[in-house]
Amino acid sequence: MSSVKKKRRLKISKHKRKKRRRRDRHKKK
């Protein structure tokens, strides 16, 4: 159970990071 929760948290973190990066790119433009 702990492993699944940890994996899920990592996936969400990665997704959030990608979205933030996209916004940064737009702002730079």
PDB file of N, CA and C in Angstrom:
ATOM      1  N   MET A   1       0.837  -1.202   0.000  1.00  0.00           N
ATOM      2  CA  MET A   1       0.000   0.000   0.000  1.00  0.00           C
ATOM      3  C   MET A   1       0.885   1.271   0.000  1.00  0.00           C
ATOM      4  N   SER A   2       1.868   1.253   0.845  1.00  0.00           N
ATOM      5  CA  SER A   2       2.759   2.438   0.944  1.00  0.00           C
ATOM      6  C   SER A   2       3.437   2.676  -0.419  1.00  0.00           C
ATOM      7  N   SER A   3       3.866   1.603  -1.037  1.00  0.00           N
ATOM      8  CA  SER A   3       4.564   1.732  -2.335  1.00  0.00           C
ATOM      9  C   SER A   3       3.640   2.409  -3.357  1.00  0.00           C
ATOM     10  N   VAL A   4       2.421   1.963  -3.412  1.00  0.00           N
ATOM     11  CA  VAL A   4       1.477   2.538  -4.400  1.00  0.00           C
ATOM     12  C   VAL A   4       1.272   4.030  -4.128  1.00  0.00           C
ATOM     13  N   LYS A   5       1.098   4.366  -2.874  1.00  0.00           N
ATOM     14  CA  LYS A   5       0.868   5.785  -2.540  1.00  0.00           C
ATOM     15  C   LYS A   5       2.102   6.615  -2.939  1.00  0.00           C
ATOM     16  N   LYS A   6       3.249   6.090  -2.655  1.00  0.00           N
ATOM     17  CA  LYS A   6       4.492   6.822  -2.987  1.00  0.00           C
ATOM     18  C   LYS A   6       4.596   6.989  -4.516  1.00  0.00           C
ATOM     19  N   LYS A   7       4.313   5.936  -5.234  1.00  0.00           N
ATOM     20  CA  LYS A   7       4.407   5.997  -6.712  1.00  0.00           C
ATOM     21  C   LYS A   7       3.410   7.035  -7.233  1.00  0.00           C
ATOM     22  N   ARG A   8       2.217   7.027  -6.674  1.00  0.00           N
ATOM     23  CA  ARG A   8       1.176   7.955  -7.150  1.00  0.00           C
ATOM     24  C   ARG A   8       1.658   9.398  -6.890  1.00  0.00           C
ATOM     25  N   ARG A   9       2.246   9.603  -5.740  1.00  0.00           N
ATOM     26  CA  ARG A   9       2.684  10.974  -5.372  1.00  0.00           C
ATOM     27  C   ARG A   9       3.780  11.419  -6.385  1.00  0.00           C
ATOM     28  N   LEU A  10       4.640  10.505  -6.745  1.00  0.00           N
ATOM     29  CA  LEU A  10       5.727  10.856  -7.672  1.00  0.00           C
ATOM     30  C   LEU A  10       5.141  11.250  -9.033  1.00  0.00           C
ATOM     31  N   LYS A  11       4.143  10.481  -9.458  1.00  0.00           N
ATOM     32  CA  LYS A  11       3.533  10.759 -10.772  1.00  0.00           C
ATOM     33  C   LYS A  11       2.904  12.162 -10.751  1.00  0.00           C
ATOM     34  N   ILE A  12       2.176  12.456  -9.716  1.00  0.00           N
ATOM     35  CA  ILE A  12       1.509  13.770  -9.627  1.00  0.00           C
ATOM     36  C   ILE A  12       2.567  14.883  -9.613  1.00  0.00           C
ATOM     37  N   SER A  13       3.625  14.641  -8.872  1.00  0.00           N
ATOM     38  CA  SER A  13       4.693  15.659  -8.773  1.00  0.00           C
ATOM     39  C   SER A  13       5.257  15.924 -10.180  1.00  0.00           C
ATOM     40  N   LYS A  14       5.494  14.879 -10.911  1.00  0.00           N
ATOM     41  CA  LYS A  14       6.058  15.028 -12.269  1.00  0.00           C
ATOM     42  C   LYS A  14       5.079  15.824 -13.138  1.00  0.00           C
ATOM     43  N   HIS A  15       3.817  15.490 -13.050  1.00  0.00           N
ATOM     44  CA  HIS A  15       2.812  16.178 -13.878  1.00  0.00           C
ATOM     45  C   HIS A  15       2.792  17.671 -13.546  1.00  0.00           C
ATOM     46  N   LYS A  16       2.773  17.952 -12.250  1.00  0.00           N
ATOM     47  CA  LYS A  16       2.722  19.365 -11.830  1.00  0.00           C
ATOM     48  C   LYS A  16       3.978  20.087 -12.351  1.00  0.00           C
ATOM     49  N   ARG A  17       5.097  19.419 -12.290  1.00  0.00           N
ATOM     50  CA  ARG A  17       6.366  20.038 -12.728  1.00  0.00           C
ATOM     51  C   ARG A  17       6.263  20.369 -14.231  1.00  0.00           C
ATOM     52  N   LYS A  18       5.699  19.460 -14.998  1.00  0.00           N
ATOM     53  CA  LYS A  18       5.604  19.675 -16.452  1.00  0.00           C
ATOM     54  C   LYS A  18       4.719  20.909 -16.718  1.00  0.00           C
ATOM     55  N   LYS A  19       3.606  20.985 -16.022  1.00  0.00           N
ATOM     56  CA  LYS A  19       2.681  22.103 -16.240  1.00  0.00           C
ATOM     57  C   LYS A  19       3.398  23.426 -15.901  1.00  0.00           C
ATOM     58  N   ARG A  20       4.136  23.413 -14.822  1.00  0.00           N
ATOM     59  CA  ARG A  20       4.824  24.649 -14.387  1.00  0.00           C
ATOM     60  C   ARG A  20       5.848  25.035 -15.479  1.00  0.00           C
ATOM     61  N   ARG A  21       6.508  24.063 -16.023  1.00  0.00           N
ATOM     62  CA  ARG A  21       7.547  24.343 -17.038  1.00  0.00           C
ATOM     63  C   ARG A  21       6.873  24.985 -18.257  1.00  0.00           C
ATOM     64  N   ARG A  22       5.734  24.466 -18.629  1.00  0.00           N
ATOM     65  CA  ARG A  22       5.034  24.980 -19.821  1.00  0.00           C
ATOM     66  C   ARG A  22       4.693  26.463 -19.571  1.00  0.00           C
ATOM     67  N   ARG A  23       4.235  26.758 -18.388  1.00  0.00           N
ATOM     68  CA  ARG A  23       3.840  28.146 -18.078  1.00  0.00           C
ATOM     69  C   ARG A  23       5.100  29.039 -18.168  1.00  0.00           C
ATOM     70  N   ASP A  24       6.187  28.517 -17.650  1.00  0.00           N
ATOM     71  CA  ASP A  24       7.422  29.313 -17.676  1.00  0.00           C
ATOM     72  C   ASP A  24       7.794  29.640 -19.133  1.00  0.00           C
ATOM     73  N   ARG A  25       7.658  28.680 -19.971  1.00  0.00           N
ATOM     74  CA  ARG A  25       8.039  28.866 -21.383  1.00  0.00           C
ATOM     75  C   ARG A  25       7.150  29.963 -21.973  1.00  0.00           C
ATOM     76  N   HIS A  26       5.884  29.908 -21.677  1.00  0.00           N
ATOM     77  CA  HIS A  26       4.965  30.910 -22.230  1.00  0.00           C
ATOM     78  C   HIS A  26       5.338  32.310 -21.727  1.00  0.00           C
ATOM     79  N   LYS A  27       5.655  32.377 -20.458  1.00  0.00           N
ATOM     80  CA  LYS A  27       5.995  33.689 -19.869  1.00  0.00           C
ATOM     81  C   LYS A  27       7.263  34.232 -20.547  1.00  0.00           C
ATOM     82  N   LYS A  28       8.205  33.381 -20.779  1.00  0.00           N
ATOM     83  CA  LYS A  28       9.466  33.813 -21.414  1.00  0.00           C
ATOM     84  C   LYS A  28       9.167  34.356 -22.815  1.00  0.00           C
ATOM     85  N   LYS A  29       8.223  33.703 -23.482  1.00  0.00           N
ATOM     86  CA  LYS A  29       7.891  34.115 -24.853  1.00  0.00           C
ATOM     87  C   LYS A  29       7.301  35.518 -24.766  1.00  0.00           C
TER      88      LYS A  29
END
